[in-house]
Amino acid sequence: MSAETLDRPTSAGARSVPRWRASLHRAAPALGLFAAARLTGMLVLALWSWHIGRSPRALLAKSWDSDWYTRIAAHGYGRTLHWPDGVVQSDLAFFPLYPGLVRAVTTVLPVTGGTAGLLLSWLAAGAAAWGIYLVGERLYGRPAAVLLVLLWGLLPHSIVLTMAYTEPLMTAFAAWSLYALLTGRWLWAGTLAALAGLSRPNGIAIAAAVLVAAACELWRDRSAPWRVWAGAALAPVGWLSYLLWVGARRGDLVGGYFAVQDGWTSRFDFGIGALRFVREMLRGPTQFGFVMALVITAAGVLLFALLALVERPPLPVLVYTGVLVVITVFGSGFFESKPRFLLPAFPLLLPLALALTRARPRAAIVVIAALAGLSFSYGVYALTLARMAL
């Protein structure tokens, strides 16, 4: 099926409807369920926050990395913290697109950086849910797509999707880039992948998907159109440009950015650091957040195995998801943040979404209700009770 026929209306009276509007109409039930899930999660957080005398807005807009992003938006790069244990944390670890957009919003609208960050994250989460729906619909049909979006909004750590964090923005660009790949829109795929690469370090995952898809296309057809080459060339530009800019600023073009990440104890060490952490965690009492991080990460690995071996999605989807899983599992650093690093890996939920489409309605409702309870309660725990970064 071609990209042109994918969204073509079937009725004669609807032929003049733009394809984007038709796709939005099809996605409306999924977007409504996603909005209901996230709004309920925010309401639960707000009620508990008011109960303990804290501001829900401050929790969503200024917690952990959110504060770094709003500071970059307000003052630019240049902040470095030196801790007594020798850890050096530089704001150069944070990619520039999100704080740049926050700066743009505060320039145009009379709002603070935190409010601008929340507005951007909420809009990006909605755009991401729309793109996720279209990918799921393209691959497995409408019921699976609706459940895929709902499950993404009910992940235990989905509170991040309503915080001033970069995961919603990157996921939006990545989901739409994947959809562009699946429908043969190479220039859009490359451009959106480049923007994802400017959003987060693991944005390289969607660039890898575009490059692999382009390589396969060129292998099959050496006379492939120039758009394939252009999409492949554009895909890694955002990620590489920021790494090289940080490297130039640090006086080490290739290794400068990775030295900055090393200061945050974030490095790719094939999982050695994570294994050491898990070993120490299992030896004695530990915080609930660490246990949840281990369980969610292990579930992500299992779901990826099911996705690859059972569902067998198109190669770009598999590459994108696999790179995210590899970066999360085999990287060291803040162990409690691993579930957040998997948030953009929405295809991991495809096996569960497909299983729920085949299940009895009562069983599906029970599973979704249980996930909702876990999501809402864990969001409250992560932002108000846990003594660790999210």
Protein backbone atom coordinates (compact mmCIF):
# COMPACT_ATOMS: atom_id res chain seq x y z
CA MET A 1 0.00 0.00 0.00
CA SER A 2 1.46 3.39 -0.95
CA ALA A 3 1.77 6.41 1.29
CA GLU A 4 -0.79 8.25 -0.85
CA THR A 5 -3.48 5.61 -0.43
CA LEU A 6 -2.85 5.01 3.29
CA ASP A 7 -4.95 7.93 4.53
CA ARG A 8 -7.27 8.33 1.56
CA PRO A 9 -10.94 8.66 2.63
CA THR A 10 -13.19 5.93 1.33
CA SER A 11 -16.43 7.89 0.93
CA ALA A 12 -17.00 10.18 -2.02
CA GLY A 13 -18.16 13.04 0.16
CA ALA A 14 -14.99 12.97 2.25
CA ARG A 15 -12.42 13.09 -0.54
CA SER A 16 -11.59 16.72 0.11
CA VAL A 17 -10.70 16.08 3.77
CA PRO A 18 -6.95 16.54 4.34
CA ARG A 19 -5.13 13.36 5.25
CA TRP A 20 -3.87 14.80 8.53
CA ARG A 21 -7.43 15.60 9.58
CA ALA A 22 -8.63 12.13 8.66
CA SER A 23 -5.83 10.54 10.66
CA LEU A 24 -6.56 12.80 13.62
CA HIS A 25 -10.22 11.79 13.45
CA ARG A 26 -9.26 8.10 13.52
CA ALA A 27 -6.87 8.71 16.40
CA ALA A 28 -9.39 10.70 18.46
CA PRO A 29 -10.52 7.79 20.69
CA ALA A 30 -6.92 6.88 21.49
CA LEU A 31 -6.02 10.50 22.20
CA GLY A 32 -9.07 10.86 24.42
CA LEU A 33 -8.12 7.81 26.47
CA PHE A 34 -4.51 9.00 26.70
CA ALA A 35 -5.61 12.45 27.89
CA ALA A 36 -7.97 10.90 30.44
CA ALA A 37 -5.18 8.68 31.77
CA ARG A 38 -2.68 11.49 32.15
CA LEU A 39 -5.17 14.00 33.54
CA THR A 40 -6.27 11.46 36.15
CA GLY A 41 -2.64 10.83 37.07
CA MET A 42 -2.07 14.58 37.46
CA LEU A 43 -5.21 14.92 39.58
CA VAL A 44 -4.12 12.14 41.92
CA LEU A 45 -0.71 13.79 42.24
CA ALA A 46 -2.28 17.19 42.86
CA LEU A 47 -4.59 15.89 45.59
CA TRP A 48 -1.75 14.16 47.41
CA SER A 49 0.57 17.17 46.96
CA TRP A 50 -1.99 19.53 48.48
CA HIS A 51 -2.54 17.04 51.29
CA ILE A 52 1.15 17.17 52.25
CA GLY A 53 1.45 20.91 51.68
CA ARG A 54 3.42 20.92 48.42
CA SER A 55 2.76 22.55 45.07
CA PRO A 56 1.88 20.11 42.25
CA ARG A 57 2.98 22.67 39.67
CA ALA A 58 6.41 22.98 41.29
CA LEU A 59 6.76 19.20 41.40
CA LEU A 60 5.97 18.89 37.68
CA ALA A 61 7.88 21.95 36.49
CA LYS A 62 10.96 22.14 38.72
CA SER A 63 11.89 18.62 39.85
CA TRP A 64 15.32 17.18 39.05
CA ASP A 65 16.27 17.66 35.39
CA SER A 66 13.42 20.11 34.85
CA ASP A 67 15.35 22.68 36.87
CA TRP A 68 18.43 22.23 34.66
CA TYR A 69 16.40 22.74 31.49
CA THR A 70 14.69 25.90 32.71
CA ARG A 71 18.03 27.32 33.87
CA ILE A 72 19.57 26.67 30.46
CA ALA A 73 16.57 28.32 28.81
CA ALA A 74 16.95 31.39 31.02
CA HIS A 75 20.73 31.78 31.16
CA GLY A 76 22.27 29.57 28.48
CA TYR A 77 24.92 26.94 29.04
CA GLY A 78 27.73 27.32 31.55
CA ARG A 79 26.53 25.92 34.88
CA THR A 80 28.75 23.31 36.56
CA LEU A 81 28.31 21.77 40.01
CA HIS A 82 31.26 20.33 41.96
CA TRP A 83 30.27 17.87 44.67
CA PRO A 84 32.35 16.85 47.73
CA ASP A 85 32.72 13.29 46.43
CA GLY A 86 34.45 14.57 43.29
CA VAL A 87 31.46 14.36 40.95
CA VAL A 88 31.35 17.21 38.43
CA GLN A 89 28.00 17.87 36.77
CA SER A 90 27.89 20.21 33.77
CA ASP A 91 24.73 21.41 32.05
CA LEU A 92 26.38 20.54 28.73
CA ALA A 93 25.01 17.02 29.31
CA PHE A 94 21.53 18.33 28.38
CA PHE A 95 20.65 18.58 24.69
CA PRO A 96 19.55 22.02 23.42
CA LEU A 97 16.25 21.72 21.57
CA TYR A 98 13.91 21.58 24.57
CA PRO A 99 15.47 24.51 26.50
CA GLY A 100 15.62 26.42 23.22
CA LEU A 101 11.88 25.93 22.74
CA VAL A 102 11.25 26.92 26.37
CA ARG A 103 13.21 30.13 25.74
CA ALA A 104 11.14 30.80 22.62
CA VAL A 105 7.84 30.33 24.47
CA THR A 106 8.84 32.62 27.34
CA THR A 107 9.87 35.24 24.77
CA VAL A 108 6.46 35.15 23.10
CA LEU A 109 4.17 34.48 26.08
CA PRO A 110 4.15 36.08 29.57
CA VAL A 111 4.89 32.80 31.38
CA THR A 112 7.78 31.46 33.44
CA GLY A 113 10.21 28.85 32.18
CA GLY A 114 8.57 26.13 34.23
CA THR A 115 5.12 26.87 32.81
CA ALA A 116 6.53 27.03 29.28
CA GLY A 117 8.22 23.68 29.84
CA LEU A 118 4.96 22.11 30.98
CA LEU A 119 3.03 23.50 28.01
CA LEU A 120 5.64 22.14 25.61
CA SER A 121 5.70 18.73 27.29
CA TRP A 122 1.91 18.41 27.27
CA LEU A 123 1.67 19.39 23.60
CA ALA A 124 4.55 17.06 22.73
CA ALA A 125 2.93 14.19 24.64
CA GLY A 126 -0.26 14.66 22.64
CA ALA A 127 1.68 14.78 19.37
CA ALA A 128 3.60 11.67 20.43
CA ALA A 129 0.37 9.81 21.23
CA TRP A 130 -0.96 10.71 17.78
CA GLY A 131 2.19 9.45 16.08
CA ILE A 132 2.21 6.28 18.18
CA TYR A 133 -1.38 5.63 17.15
CA LEU A 134 -0.53 5.96 13.47
CA VAL A 135 2.43 3.59 13.77
CA GLY A 136 0.29 1.03 15.61
CA GLU A 137 -2.57 1.38 13.14
CA ARG A 138 -0.23 1.00 10.19
CA LEU A 139 1.26 -2.19 11.61
CA TYR A 140 -1.59 -3.98 13.38
CA GLY A 141 -4.87 -2.11 12.91
CA ARG A 142 -7.00 0.32 14.87
CA PRO A 143 -7.86 -1.68 18.05
CA ALA A 144 -4.21 -2.48 18.72
CA ALA A 145 -3.25 1.14 18.04
CA VAL A 146 -5.79 2.48 20.54
CA LEU A 147 -4.55 0.08 23.22
CA LEU A 148 -0.92 0.89 22.41
CA VAL A 149 -1.50 4.59 23.10
CA LEU A 150 -3.47 3.88 26.28
CA LEU A 151 -0.79 1.52 27.61
CA TRP A 152 1.90 4.13 26.90
CA GLY A 153 -0.07 6.62 28.98
CA LEU A 154 -0.42 4.12 31.84
CA LEU A 155 3.18 3.04 32.26
CA PRO A 156 4.29 3.11 35.91
CA HIS A 157 6.63 6.03 35.20
CA SER A 158 4.33 7.87 32.76
CA ILE A 159 4.15 10.82 35.16
CA VAL A 160 7.25 11.97 33.25
CA LEU A 161 5.02 12.63 30.24
CA THR A 162 3.36 15.47 32.15
CA MET A 163 6.58 16.94 33.60
CA ALA A 164 8.98 19.50 32.15
CA TYR A 165 11.17 16.72 30.78
CA THR A 166 12.38 15.91 27.26
CA GLU A 167 10.95 12.40 26.83
CA PRO A 168 7.61 13.60 25.36
CA LEU A 169 9.38 15.79 22.80
CA MET A 170 11.80 13.11 21.68
CA THR A 171 9.06 10.48 21.50
CA ALA A 172 6.93 12.77 19.34
CA PHE A 173 9.71 13.27 16.81
CA ALA A 174 10.66 9.59 16.88
CA ALA A 175 7.10 8.29 16.45
CA TRP A 176 6.40 10.57 13.50
CA SER A 177 9.78 9.74 11.98
CA LEU A 178 8.95 6.04 12.21
CA TYR A 179 5.58 6.67 10.61
CA ALA A 180 7.28 8.63 7.82
CA LEU A 181 9.63 5.69 7.26
CA LEU A 182 6.77 3.20 7.15
CA THR A 183 4.98 5.32 4.55
CA GLY A 184 8.00 6.12 2.39
CA ARG A 185 8.45 9.80 3.32
CA TRP A 186 12.23 9.85 3.52
CA LEU A 187 12.82 13.58 3.88
CA TRP A 188 10.33 13.82 6.73
CA ALA A 189 11.85 10.78 8.38
CA GLY A 190 15.35 12.23 8.26
CA THR A 191 14.30 15.71 9.38
CA LEU A 192 12.28 14.44 12.34
CA ALA A 193 15.11 12.08 13.32
CA ALA A 194 17.50 15.03 13.32
CA LEU A 195 15.16 16.94 15.66
CA ALA A 196 14.88 13.90 17.94
CA GLY A 197 18.67 13.81 18.03
CA LEU A 198 18.71 17.41 19.24
CA SER A 199 16.28 16.51 22.04
CA ARG A 200 17.98 13.71 23.97
CA PRO A 201 21.17 11.60 23.92
CA ASN A 202 19.20 8.45 23.10
CA GLY A 203 17.66 10.26 20.14
CA ILE A 204 20.37 8.51 18.15
CA ALA A 205 18.04 5.49 18.17
CA ILE A 206 15.71 6.92 15.53
CA ALA A 207 18.65 8.08 13.42
CA ALA A 208 19.92 4.49 13.49
CA ALA A 209 16.51 3.28 12.32
CA VAL A 210 16.50 5.72 9.39
CA LEU A 211 20.05 4.77 8.39
CA VAL A 212 19.32 1.04 8.49
CA ALA A 213 16.09 1.48 6.53
CA ALA A 214 17.90 3.58 3.93
CA ALA A 215 20.72 1.04 3.65
CA CYS A 216 18.19 -1.76 3.06
CA GLU A 217 16.35 0.32 0.46
CA LEU A 218 19.57 1.11 -1.40
CA TRP A 219 20.63 -2.53 -1.23
CA ARG A 220 17.37 -3.58 -2.87
CA ASP A 221 17.37 -0.80 -5.43
CA ARG A 222 20.64 0.92 -6.33
CA SER A 223 18.63 3.46 -8.35
CA ALA A 224 16.57 4.54 -5.33
CA PRO A 225 15.46 8.20 -5.43
CA TRP A 226 17.65 10.94 -4.01
CA ARG A 227 15.22 11.38 -1.10
CA VAL A 228 16.48 8.12 0.40
CA TRP A 229 20.06 9.46 0.43
CA ALA A 230 18.92 12.83 1.76
CA GLY A 231 16.85 11.30 4.56
CA ALA A 232 19.78 9.14 5.62
CA ALA A 233 22.14 12.13 5.56
CA LEU A 234 19.79 14.29 7.62
CA ALA A 235 18.94 11.71 10.32
CA PRO A 236 22.11 11.89 12.49
CA VAL A 237 22.77 15.61 11.95
CA GLY A 238 21.09 16.84 15.14
CA TRP A 239 22.78 14.35 17.45
CA LEU A 240 26.21 14.70 15.85
CA SER A 241 26.10 18.50 15.68
CA TYR A 242 25.53 18.86 19.41
CA LEU A 243 28.19 16.31 20.30
CA LEU A 244 30.72 18.12 18.09
CA TRP A 245 29.71 21.52 19.49
CA VAL A 246 30.26 20.34 23.05
CA GLY A 247 33.53 18.71 22.00
CA ALA A 248 34.75 21.94 20.45
CA ARG A 249 33.76 23.88 23.55
CA ARG A 250 35.58 21.41 25.79
CA GLY A 251 38.69 21.25 23.59
CA ASP A 252 38.16 17.59 22.68
CA LEU A 253 36.09 17.38 19.51
CA VAL A 254 35.34 13.66 19.67
CA GLY A 255 35.47 12.88 23.37
CA GLY A 256 34.35 16.13 24.97
CA TYR A 257 30.67 15.29 25.28
CA PHE A 258 31.37 11.80 26.61
CA ALA A 259 33.66 13.33 29.24
CA VAL A 260 30.76 15.53 30.32
CA GLN A 261 28.51 12.47 30.60
CA ASP A 262 31.19 10.66 32.54
CA GLY A 263 31.01 13.46 35.10
CA TRP A 264 27.39 12.45 35.63
CA THR A 265 28.57 8.81 36.01
CA SER A 266 26.76 8.06 32.74
CA ARG A 267 28.74 5.87 30.37
CA PHE A 268 28.28 2.86 28.12
CA ASP A 269 30.13 0.05 29.88
CA PHE A 270 28.19 -2.97 28.55
CA GLY A 271 26.18 -3.17 31.77
CA ILE A 272 29.08 -3.68 34.19
CA GLY A 273 28.09 -0.75 36.38
CA ALA A 274 24.43 -1.75 36.36
CA LEU A 275 25.27 -5.33 37.35
CA ARG A 276 27.37 -4.10 40.25
CA PHE A 277 24.54 -1.88 41.40
CA VAL A 278 22.01 -4.72 41.22
CA ARG A 279 24.34 -7.02 43.13
CA GLU A 280 24.68 -4.48 45.94
CA MET A 281 20.96 -3.80 45.88
CA LEU A 282 20.10 -7.47 46.32
CA ARG A 283 22.46 -7.86 49.29
CA GLY A 284 20.45 -5.74 51.67
CA PRO A 285 17.60 -3.28 52.20
CA THR A 286 17.04 -0.89 49.34
CA GLN A 287 14.60 1.76 48.20
CA PHE A 288 11.40 0.80 46.45
CA GLY A 289 12.28 2.96 43.44
CA PHE A 290 15.39 0.89 42.74
CA VAL A 291 13.36 -2.32 42.84
CA MET A 292 10.80 -0.85 40.45
CA ALA A 293 13.58 0.28 38.12
CA LEU A 294 14.94 -3.27 38.02
CA VAL A 295 11.50 -4.81 37.43
CA ILE A 296 10.56 -2.33 34.68
CA THR A 297 13.90 -2.71 32.92
CA ALA A 298 13.67 -6.51 33.04
CA ALA A 299 10.12 -6.28 31.69
CA GLY A 300 11.40 -4.10 28.87
CA VAL A 301 13.97 -6.74 27.90
CA LEU A 302 11.30 -9.46 27.95
CA LEU A 303 8.91 -7.37 25.87
CA PHE A 304 11.64 -6.68 23.33
CA ALA A 305 12.26 -10.42 22.98
CA LEU A 306 8.53 -10.95 22.38
CA LEU A 307 8.44 -8.09 19.90
CA ALA A 308 11.40 -9.42 17.93
CA LEU A 309 10.63 -13.13 18.03
CA VAL A 310 6.83 -13.21 18.00
CA GLU A 311 5.44 -10.03 16.46
CA ARG A 312 8.36 -9.38 14.06
CA PRO A 313 7.65 -5.74 13.18
CA PRO A 314 9.35 -3.95 10.26
CA LEU A 315 13.10 -3.53 10.61
CA PRO A 316 13.08 0.25 11.37
CA VAL A 317 10.73 -0.31 14.33
CA LEU A 318 12.90 -3.15 15.60
CA VAL A 319 16.14 -1.17 15.23
CA TYR A 320 14.73 1.91 16.94
CA THR A 321 13.43 -0.10 19.88
CA GLY A 322 16.53 -2.29 20.10
CA VAL A 323 18.93 0.66 20.25
CA LEU A 324 16.90 2.23 23.07
CA VAL A 325 16.91 -1.04 25.01
CA VAL A 326 20.66 -1.53 24.50
CA ILE A 327 21.45 2.02 25.64
CA THR A 328 19.28 1.59 28.73
CA VAL A 329 20.39 -1.89 29.76
CA PHE A 330 24.09 -1.63 28.98
CA GLY A 331 24.64 1.93 30.18
CA SER A 332 25.60 2.88 33.72
CA GLY A 333 24.69 5.91 35.73
CA PHE A 334 21.50 6.68 37.60
CA PHE A 335 19.94 3.23 37.84
CA GLU A 336 16.60 4.64 38.97
CA SER A 337 16.31 6.55 35.67
CA LYS A 338 16.39 3.47 33.44
CA PRO A 339 12.57 3.21 33.18
CA ARG A 340 12.47 6.83 32.01
CA PHE A 341 15.03 6.06 29.32
CA LEU A 342 12.66 3.37 28.02
CA LEU A 343 9.66 5.72 27.76
CA PRO A 344 10.34 6.53 24.08
CA ALA A 345 10.48 2.78 23.32
CA PHE A 346 6.71 2.56 22.82
CA PRO A 347 6.92 -0.43 20.40
CA LEU A 348 7.79 -2.55 23.44
CA LEU A 349 4.10 -2.34 24.33
CA LEU A 350 2.94 -3.86 21.04
CA PRO A 351 2.96 -7.48 22.31
CA LEU A 352 0.82 -6.49 25.30
CA ALA A 353 -1.52 -4.37 23.15
CA LEU A 354 -2.01 -7.25 20.72
CA ALA A 355 -2.60 -9.69 23.58
CA LEU A 356 -5.30 -7.41 25.01
CA THR A 357 -7.05 -7.20 21.62
CA ARG A 358 -7.37 -11.00 21.70
CA ALA A 359 -8.36 -11.23 25.37
CA ARG A 360 -11.88 -11.22 26.74
CA PRO A 361 -13.15 -7.68 27.45
CA ARG A 362 -13.40 -8.34 31.19
CA ALA A 363 -9.80 -9.56 31.37
CA ALA A 364 -8.58 -6.57 29.35
CA ILE A 365 -10.43 -4.15 31.64
CA VAL A 366 -8.90 -5.76 34.74
CA VAL A 367 -5.38 -5.48 33.30
CA ILE A 368 -5.87 -1.84 32.28
CA ALA A 369 -7.39 -0.94 35.66
CA ALA A 370 -4.45 -2.55 37.47
CA LEU A 371 -1.97 -0.66 35.29
CA ALA A 372 -3.83 2.58 35.96
CA GLY A 373 -3.69 2.05 39.71
CA LEU A 374 0.03 1.29 39.56
CA SER A 375 0.73 4.26 37.30
CA PHE A 376 -1.13 6.81 39.41
CA SER A 377 0.26 5.58 42.73
CA TYR A 378 3.82 5.22 41.49
CA GLY A 379 3.74 8.72 40.04
CA VAL A 380 2.84 10.06 43.48
CA TYR A 381 5.59 8.00 45.07
CA ALA A 382 8.25 9.05 42.57
CA LEU A 383 7.62 12.79 42.97
CA THR A 384 6.70 13.12 46.64
CA LEU A 385 8.09 10.16 48.60
CA ALA A 386 11.13 8.77 46.78
CA ARG A 387 14.56 10.07 47.73
CA MET A 388 16.07 9.64 44.29
CA ALA A 389 16.10 11.28 40.91
CA LEU A 390 13.42 10.36 38.41
